[in-house]
N, C-alpha and C. Protein backbone atom coordinates (compact mmCIF):
# COMPACT_ATOMS: atom_id res chain seq x y z
N MET A 1 0.84 -1.20 0.00
CA MET A 1 0.00 0.00 0.00
C MET A 1 0.87 1.25 0.00
N SER A 2 1.96 1.22 0.74
CA SER A 2 2.85 2.37 0.82
C SER A 2 3.44 2.70 -0.55
N ASP A 3 3.75 1.68 -1.36
CA ASP A 3 4.29 1.92 -2.70
C ASP A 3 3.28 2.66 -3.57
N LYS A 4 2.00 2.32 -3.44
CA LYS A 4 0.96 3.00 -4.22
C LYS A 4 0.85 4.46 -3.80
N LEU A 5 0.96 4.72 -2.50
CA LEU A 5 0.91 6.11 -2.01
C LEU A 5 2.10 6.90 -2.51
N ASP A 6 3.28 6.29 -2.47
CA ASP A 6 4.49 6.96 -2.96
C ASP A 6 4.36 7.26 -4.44
N GLN A 7 3.86 6.31 -5.21
CA GLN A 7 3.69 6.50 -6.64
C GLN A 7 2.66 7.60 -6.92
N SER A 8 1.60 7.63 -6.14
CA SER A 8 0.57 8.66 -6.28
C SER A 8 1.15 10.05 -6.02
N GLU A 9 1.98 10.15 -4.98
CA GLU A 9 2.64 11.43 -4.66
C GLU A 9 3.59 11.85 -5.77
N ASP A 10 4.33 10.88 -6.32
CA ASP A 10 5.25 11.16 -7.42
C ASP A 10 4.48 11.68 -8.64
N ASN A 11 3.36 11.04 -8.95
CA ASN A 11 2.54 11.47 -10.08
C ASN A 11 2.00 12.88 -9.87
N LYS A 12 1.59 13.17 -8.64
CA LYS A 12 1.08 14.49 -8.30
C LYS A 12 2.17 15.55 -8.48
N SER A 13 3.38 15.24 -8.02
CA SER A 13 4.51 16.16 -8.14
C SER A 13 4.86 16.40 -9.60
N LEU A 14 4.83 15.34 -10.41
CA LEU A 14 5.13 15.47 -11.84
C LEU A 14 4.06 16.32 -12.54
N GLU A 15 2.81 16.09 -12.20
CA GLU A 15 1.72 16.89 -12.77
C GLU A 15 1.86 18.35 -12.39
N ASP A 16 2.21 18.63 -11.14
CA ASP A 16 2.40 19.99 -10.68
C ASP A 16 3.56 20.66 -11.40
N LEU A 17 4.66 19.93 -11.57
CA LEU A 17 5.82 20.46 -12.27
C LEU A 17 5.49 20.75 -13.74
N THR A 18 4.77 19.84 -14.37
CA THR A 18 4.36 20.03 -15.76
C THR A 18 3.44 21.24 -15.89
N SER A 19 2.52 21.38 -14.96
CA SER A 19 1.61 22.52 -14.96
C SER A 19 2.36 23.84 -14.78
N LYS A 20 3.27 23.87 -13.83
CA LYS A 20 4.06 25.09 -13.58
C LYS A 20 4.94 25.42 -14.78
N SER A 21 5.55 24.41 -15.38
CA SER A 21 6.38 24.63 -16.58
C SER A 21 5.55 25.25 -17.69
N SER A 22 4.35 24.74 -17.87
CA SER A 22 3.45 25.25 -18.90
C SER A 22 3.06 26.71 -18.62
N GLN A 23 2.75 27.01 -17.35
CA GLN A 23 2.41 28.38 -16.97
C GLN A 23 3.58 29.32 -17.21
N ILE A 24 4.77 28.89 -16.84
CA ILE A 24 5.96 29.71 -17.00
C ILE A 24 6.26 29.92 -18.48
N ARG A 25 6.15 28.88 -19.25
CA ARG A 25 6.38 28.98 -20.70
C ARG A 25 5.44 30.01 -21.33
N SER A 26 4.17 29.90 -21.01
CA SER A 26 3.18 30.84 -21.56
C SER A 26 3.47 32.28 -21.11
N ALA A 27 3.82 32.44 -19.85
CA ALA A 27 4.09 33.78 -19.31
C ALA A 27 5.33 34.40 -19.94
N ILE A 28 6.37 33.59 -20.16
CA ILE A 28 7.58 34.11 -20.82
C ILE A 28 7.24 34.59 -22.22
N LEU A 29 6.55 33.76 -22.98
CA LEU A 29 6.21 34.13 -24.36
C LEU A 29 5.31 35.35 -24.41
N GLU A 30 4.35 35.42 -23.51
CA GLU A 30 3.46 36.58 -23.46
C GLU A 30 4.25 37.85 -23.14
N ARG A 31 5.15 37.76 -22.18
CA ARG A 31 5.94 38.93 -21.77
C ARG A 31 6.86 39.43 -22.88
N VAL A 32 7.60 38.53 -23.52
CA VAL A 32 8.53 38.98 -24.57
C VAL A 32 7.78 39.48 -25.81
N HIS A 33 6.62 38.90 -26.09
CA HIS A 33 5.81 39.41 -27.21
C HIS A 33 5.30 40.81 -26.90
N LYS A 34 4.91 41.03 -25.65
CA LYS A 34 4.44 42.35 -25.24
C LYS A 34 5.56 43.39 -25.36
N LEU A 35 6.78 43.00 -25.01
CA LEU A 35 7.92 43.92 -25.07
C LEU A 35 8.40 44.16 -26.50
N GLY A 36 8.22 43.18 -27.37
CA GLY A 36 8.69 43.30 -28.74
C GLY A 36 10.17 42.92 -28.85
N PRO A 37 10.69 42.91 -30.08
CA PRO A 37 12.06 42.42 -30.32
C PRO A 37 13.17 43.37 -29.89
N THR A 38 12.84 44.58 -29.52
CA THR A 38 13.89 45.54 -29.15
C THR A 38 14.13 45.64 -27.65
N LYS A 39 13.31 44.97 -26.86
CA LYS A 39 13.46 45.03 -25.39
C LYS A 39 13.57 43.62 -24.82
N SER A 40 14.14 43.54 -23.62
CA SER A 40 14.28 42.25 -22.95
C SER A 40 13.72 42.34 -21.54
N CYS A 41 13.55 41.18 -20.92
CA CYS A 41 13.07 41.16 -19.54
C CYS A 41 13.95 40.26 -18.69
N CYS A 42 13.92 40.50 -17.41
CA CYS A 42 14.62 39.65 -16.46
C CYS A 42 13.75 38.41 -16.21
N PRO A 43 14.34 37.22 -16.20
CA PRO A 43 13.54 36.02 -15.94
C PRO A 43 12.77 36.06 -14.62
N SER A 44 13.28 36.81 -13.63
CA SER A 44 12.59 36.85 -12.33
C SER A 44 11.23 37.53 -12.42
N GLU A 45 11.00 38.30 -13.48
CA GLU A 45 9.69 38.93 -13.66
C GLU A 45 8.59 37.88 -13.77
N ILE A 46 8.93 36.74 -14.33
CA ILE A 46 7.92 35.71 -14.61
C ILE A 46 7.39 35.07 -13.32
N PRO A 47 8.23 34.50 -12.45
CA PRO A 47 7.65 33.93 -11.22
C PRO A 47 7.09 35.00 -10.28
N ARG A 48 7.62 36.20 -10.34
CA ARG A 48 7.05 37.28 -9.51
C ARG A 48 5.62 37.58 -9.95
N LEU A 49 5.39 37.50 -11.24
CA LEU A 49 4.06 37.75 -11.78
C LEU A 49 3.10 36.58 -11.50
N LEU A 50 3.59 35.37 -11.71
CA LEU A 50 2.74 34.19 -11.57
C LEU A 50 2.47 33.78 -10.12
N TYR A 51 3.46 33.95 -9.27
CA TYR A 51 3.35 33.46 -7.90
C TYR A 51 3.69 34.56 -6.90
N PRO A 52 2.93 35.65 -6.89
CA PRO A 52 3.29 36.80 -6.06
C PRO A 52 3.25 36.52 -4.55
N LYS A 53 2.44 35.59 -4.13
CA LYS A 53 2.34 35.32 -2.69
C LYS A 53 3.28 34.19 -2.26
N ALA A 54 3.82 33.49 -3.22
CA ALA A 54 4.75 32.40 -2.91
C ALA A 54 6.17 32.95 -2.90
N SER A 55 7.07 32.13 -2.52
CA SER A 55 8.47 32.51 -2.59
C SER A 55 8.92 32.35 -4.05
N TRP A 56 8.90 33.44 -4.81
CA TRP A 56 9.16 33.39 -6.25
C TRP A 56 10.53 32.82 -6.57
N ARG A 57 11.50 32.99 -5.67
CA ARG A 57 12.86 32.50 -5.94
C ARG A 57 12.91 30.99 -6.16
N GLN A 58 12.01 30.25 -5.52
CA GLN A 58 12.02 28.80 -5.68
C GLN A 58 11.66 28.39 -7.11
N TYR A 59 11.07 29.30 -7.87
CA TYR A 59 10.69 29.00 -9.25
C TYR A 59 11.73 29.45 -10.28
N MET A 60 12.81 30.07 -9.83
CA MET A 60 13.83 30.56 -10.75
C MET A 60 14.55 29.44 -11.51
N PRO A 61 14.96 28.35 -10.88
CA PRO A 61 15.61 27.29 -11.67
C PRO A 61 14.69 26.75 -12.77
N LEU A 62 13.41 26.55 -12.44
CA LEU A 62 12.46 26.07 -13.44
C LEU A 62 12.27 27.12 -14.54
N THR A 63 12.21 28.39 -14.17
CA THR A 63 12.05 29.46 -15.16
C THR A 63 13.24 29.48 -16.12
N ARG A 64 14.42 29.34 -15.59
CA ARG A 64 15.62 29.30 -16.45
C ARG A 64 15.61 28.06 -17.35
N GLU A 65 15.19 26.92 -16.82
CA GLU A 65 15.09 25.70 -17.63
C GLU A 65 14.12 25.88 -18.80
N VAL A 66 12.97 26.46 -18.50
CA VAL A 66 11.97 26.70 -19.54
C VAL A 66 12.52 27.69 -20.58
N ALA A 67 13.22 28.72 -20.12
CA ALA A 67 13.81 29.69 -21.04
C ALA A 67 14.83 29.02 -21.95
N VAL A 68 15.64 28.14 -21.41
CA VAL A 68 16.63 27.42 -22.22
C VAL A 68 15.93 26.55 -23.26
N GLN A 69 14.84 25.91 -22.86
CA GLN A 69 14.09 25.09 -23.82
C GLN A 69 13.50 25.95 -24.93
N LEU A 70 12.94 27.11 -24.57
CA LEU A 70 12.40 28.02 -25.58
C LEU A 70 13.51 28.51 -26.51
N HIS A 71 14.69 28.74 -25.97
CA HIS A 71 15.84 29.12 -26.79
C HIS A 71 16.19 27.99 -27.75
N SER A 72 16.23 26.76 -27.24
CA SER A 72 16.55 25.60 -28.07
C SER A 72 15.51 25.39 -29.17
N ASP A 73 14.27 25.77 -28.88
CA ASP A 73 13.18 25.66 -29.87
C ASP A 73 13.20 26.81 -30.88
N GLY A 74 14.10 27.77 -30.67
CA GLY A 74 14.20 28.90 -31.59
C GLY A 74 13.15 29.98 -31.37
N ARG A 75 12.56 30.02 -30.20
CA ARG A 75 11.48 30.98 -29.92
C ARG A 75 11.92 32.14 -29.04
N LEU A 76 13.14 32.06 -28.49
CA LEU A 76 13.57 33.03 -27.50
C LEU A 76 15.07 33.23 -27.60
N ASP A 77 15.50 34.47 -27.46
CA ASP A 77 16.93 34.77 -27.30
C ASP A 77 17.21 34.88 -25.82
N ILE A 78 18.34 34.34 -25.41
CA ILE A 78 18.83 34.53 -24.05
C ILE A 78 20.06 35.43 -24.18
N CYS A 79 20.08 36.50 -23.40
CA CYS A 79 21.17 37.47 -23.48
C CYS A 79 21.90 37.56 -22.16
N GLN A 80 23.19 37.87 -22.29
CA GLN A 80 24.04 38.07 -21.13
C GLN A 80 25.04 39.16 -21.49
N LYS A 81 25.20 40.11 -20.57
CA LYS A 81 26.13 41.21 -20.79
C LYS A 81 25.82 41.94 -22.10
N GLY A 82 24.52 42.06 -22.41
CA GLY A 82 24.10 42.81 -23.58
C GLY A 82 24.19 42.08 -24.90
N ARG A 83 24.58 40.84 -24.90
CA ARG A 83 24.74 40.06 -26.13
C ARG A 83 23.95 38.75 -26.07
N ARG A 84 23.52 38.31 -27.26
CA ARG A 84 22.82 37.04 -27.36
C ARG A 84 23.78 35.91 -27.04
N VAL A 85 23.33 34.96 -26.22
CA VAL A 85 24.13 33.80 -25.84
C VAL A 85 23.98 32.74 -26.92
N GLN A 86 25.10 32.22 -27.36
CA GLN A 86 25.09 31.15 -28.37
C GLN A 86 25.00 29.78 -27.70
N ASP A 87 25.83 29.55 -26.69
CA ASP A 87 25.90 28.26 -26.02
C ASP A 87 25.24 28.36 -24.64
N VAL A 88 23.99 27.94 -24.56
CA VAL A 88 23.26 28.06 -23.30
C VAL A 88 23.75 27.06 -22.25
N GLY A 89 24.56 26.12 -22.65
CA GLY A 89 25.13 25.17 -21.70
C GLY A 89 26.14 25.82 -20.76
N GLU A 90 26.60 27.00 -21.13
CA GLU A 90 27.61 27.72 -20.35
C GLU A 90 27.01 28.87 -19.54
N LEU A 91 25.71 28.91 -19.36
CA LEU A 91 25.07 30.03 -18.65
C LEU A 91 25.46 30.07 -17.18
N LYS A 92 25.95 31.23 -16.78
CA LYS A 92 26.23 31.49 -15.36
C LYS A 92 25.94 32.96 -15.13
N GLY A 93 25.28 33.25 -14.04
CA GLY A 93 25.00 34.64 -13.71
C GLY A 93 23.71 35.15 -14.33
N PRO A 94 23.52 36.48 -14.26
CA PRO A 94 22.28 37.09 -14.73
C PRO A 94 22.08 36.93 -16.24
N ILE A 95 20.83 36.71 -16.61
CA ILE A 95 20.45 36.64 -18.03
C ILE A 95 19.24 37.52 -18.26
N ARG A 96 18.96 37.78 -19.54
CA ARG A 96 17.76 38.49 -19.94
C ARG A 96 17.14 37.72 -21.08
N LEU A 97 15.83 37.89 -21.25
CA LEU A 97 15.07 37.16 -22.26
C LEU A 97 14.45 38.14 -23.25
N ARG A 98 14.43 37.77 -24.53
CA ARG A 98 13.77 38.61 -25.55
C ARG A 98 13.31 37.73 -26.70
N LEU A 99 12.46 38.33 -27.53
CA LEU A 99 12.05 37.64 -28.75
C LEU A 99 13.27 37.39 -29.62
N VAL A 100 13.21 36.34 -30.41
CA VAL A 100 14.29 36.07 -31.35
C VAL A 100 14.34 37.22 -32.35
N THR A 101 15.55 37.70 -32.62
CA THR A 101 15.73 38.76 -33.60
C THR A 101 16.47 38.21 -34.82
N GLN A 102 16.34 38.89 -35.93
CA GLN A 102 17.00 38.46 -37.16
C GLN A 102 18.52 38.50 -37.04
N LYS A 103 19.01 39.52 -36.35
CA LYS A 103 20.45 39.67 -36.20
C LYS A 103 20.87 39.10 -34.85
N SER A 104 21.63 38.03 -34.88
CA SER A 104 22.01 37.38 -33.64
C SER A 104 22.99 38.21 -32.81
N ASP A 105 23.62 39.19 -33.44
CA ASP A 105 24.58 40.01 -32.71
C ASP A 105 23.96 41.29 -32.17
N LYS A 106 22.67 41.48 -32.42
CA LYS A 106 21.98 42.68 -31.96
C LYS A 106 22.03 42.76 -30.43
N LYS A 107 22.37 43.94 -29.93
CA LYS A 107 22.48 44.11 -28.47
C LYS A 107 21.13 43.95 -27.79
N CYS A 108 21.14 43.39 -26.61
CA CYS A 108 19.94 43.27 -25.78
C CYS A 108 19.76 44.56 -25.00
N LYS A 109 18.55 45.02 -24.96
CA LYS A 109 18.23 46.23 -24.18
C LYS A 109 17.26 45.89 -23.08
N ASP A 110 17.35 46.64 -22.00
CA ASP A 110 16.42 46.44 -20.87
C ASP A 110 15.04 46.89 -21.25
């Protein structure tokens, strides 16, 4: 019986994670579309918007993961130090998110 309860809890956690990932994905895309291709946003804006009463910082790793996936899908630019990041496997430190632009070397603006 305990194994069934553990499995049920695991399924619940996976469903919650999938739901949160989907919410974050939608919020990121909505935000960057609203800003347009000439502006960028801080990833922390997303969990602050979605989970204002929760501890938004706990959602930052998931937000960054979703942003990396959107980048891999070609839907999002990830910028660091004002430039588009080519290799997202090397991300460390602050990043910014924006719509994909035609010029990959175009500077990121706040």
